[in-house]
Amino acid sequence: MRVRPLAICALALLLSLLVAAPAMAQPNNGEGLLGETDDKIITFFSLGVLVFFFLVVCLGSFIQSRLERRKQARKAAELQQRVGW
């Protein structure tokens, strides 16, 4: 049973080493996919990360409040049915 996780970890390590070798061999002078990185790119990327987490928190809060409201309505219906009103 312990052979499968070990084999998966070894395969993942081997795959990451195979992918990293050609990336290190390219003579691109440290430029990324978008070219030379400057302050504008860093600012917009950071703003995007900030907006993403803001939206995740807002959406999660909205979903949680809706689920809580449904739970309270279900509990009230069960209580009303039990009492007999």
Protein backbone atom coordinates (compact mmCIF):
# COMPACT_ATOMS: atom_id res chain seq x y z
CA MET A 1 0.00 0.00 0.00
CA ARG A 2 2.85 2.44 0.65
CA VAL A 3 4.41 1.80 -2.75
CA ARG A 4 1.82 3.83 -4.67
CA PRO A 5 2.32 7.17 -2.83
CA LEU A 6 6.08 6.73 -3.03
CA ALA A 7 5.87 6.07 -6.77
CA ILE A 8 3.64 9.12 -7.29
CA CYS A 9 6.06 11.35 -5.37
CA ALA A 10 9.03 10.01 -7.34
CA LEU A 11 7.19 10.55 -10.63
CA ALA A 12 6.26 14.11 -9.66
CA LEU A 13 9.86 14.88 -8.70
CA LEU A 14 11.18 13.42 -11.95
CA LEU A 15 8.64 15.34 -14.02
CA SER A 16 9.44 18.63 -12.31
CA LEU A 17 13.16 18.10 -12.89
CA LEU A 18 12.56 17.30 -16.57
CA VAL A 19 10.49 20.46 -17.03
CA ALA A 20 12.87 22.71 -15.08
CA ALA A 21 16.02 21.77 -17.03
CA PRO A 22 15.01 23.33 -20.38
CA ALA A 23 13.67 26.41 -18.62
CA MET A 24 17.03 27.00 -16.95
CA ALA A 25 18.90 26.50 -20.24
CA GLN A 26 17.16 29.29 -22.15
CA PRO A 27 19.27 32.45 -22.51
CA ASN A 28 16.48 34.99 -22.01
CA ASN A 29 18.33 37.29 -19.60
CA GLY A 30 15.76 36.87 -16.86
CA GLU A 31 12.77 38.15 -18.85
CA GLY A 32 9.44 36.50 -18.29
CA LEU A 33 6.59 35.77 -20.66
CA LEU A 34 5.48 39.42 -20.70
CA GLY A 35 8.93 40.78 -21.36
CA GLU A 36 10.88 42.96 -18.98
CA THR A 37 9.21 43.25 -15.59
CA ASP A 38 8.70 46.82 -14.42
CA ASP A 39 6.76 48.57 -11.66
CA LYS A 40 3.56 48.79 -13.71
CA ILE A 41 3.36 45.01 -14.20
CA ILE A 42 4.03 44.34 -10.52
CA THR A 43 1.42 46.91 -9.46
CA PHE A 44 -1.31 45.51 -11.71
CA PHE A 45 -0.53 41.93 -10.73
CA SER A 46 -0.68 42.82 -7.04
CA LEU A 47 -3.93 44.70 -7.57
CA GLY A 48 -5.34 41.66 -9.36
CA VAL A 49 -4.41 39.39 -6.44
CA LEU A 50 -6.01 41.84 -4.00
CA VAL A 51 -9.25 42.06 -6.03
CA PHE A 52 -9.35 38.27 -6.41
CA PHE A 53 -9.19 37.64 -2.66
CA PHE A 54 -11.68 40.43 -2.00
CA LEU A 55 -14.15 38.80 -4.38
CA VAL A 56 -13.54 35.36 -2.88
CA VAL A 57 -14.31 36.66 0.62
CA CYS A 58 -17.43 38.55 -0.52
CA LEU A 59 -18.75 35.60 -2.52
CA GLY A 60 -18.05 33.18 0.34
CA SER A 61 -19.85 35.42 2.82
CA PHE A 62 -22.83 35.73 0.50
CA ILE A 63 -23.06 31.97 0.00
CA GLN A 64 -22.70 31.33 3.72
CA SER A 65 -25.47 33.79 4.61
CA ARG A 66 -27.81 32.20 2.06
CA LEU A 67 -27.09 28.72 3.42
CA GLU A 68 -27.56 29.92 7.00
CA ARG A 69 -30.91 31.45 6.07
CA ARG A 70 -32.03 28.16 4.49
CA LYS A 71 -30.90 26.25 7.58
CA GLN A 72 -32.86 28.52 9.90
CA ALA A 73 -35.97 28.22 7.72
CA ARG A 74 -35.67 24.42 7.75
CA LYS A 75 -35.27 24.38 11.53
CA ALA A 76 -38.30 26.66 11.94
CA ALA A 77 -40.40 24.40 9.69
CA GLU A 78 -39.37 21.30 11.65
CA LEU A 79 -40.17 23.01 14.96
CA GLN A 80 -43.53 24.20 13.69
CA GLN A 81 -44.37 20.70 12.44
CA ARG A 82 -43.34 19.13 15.73
CA VAL A 83 -45.42 21.54 17.83
CA GLY A 84 -48.43 21.23 15.57
CA TRP A 85 -49.26 24.82 14.77
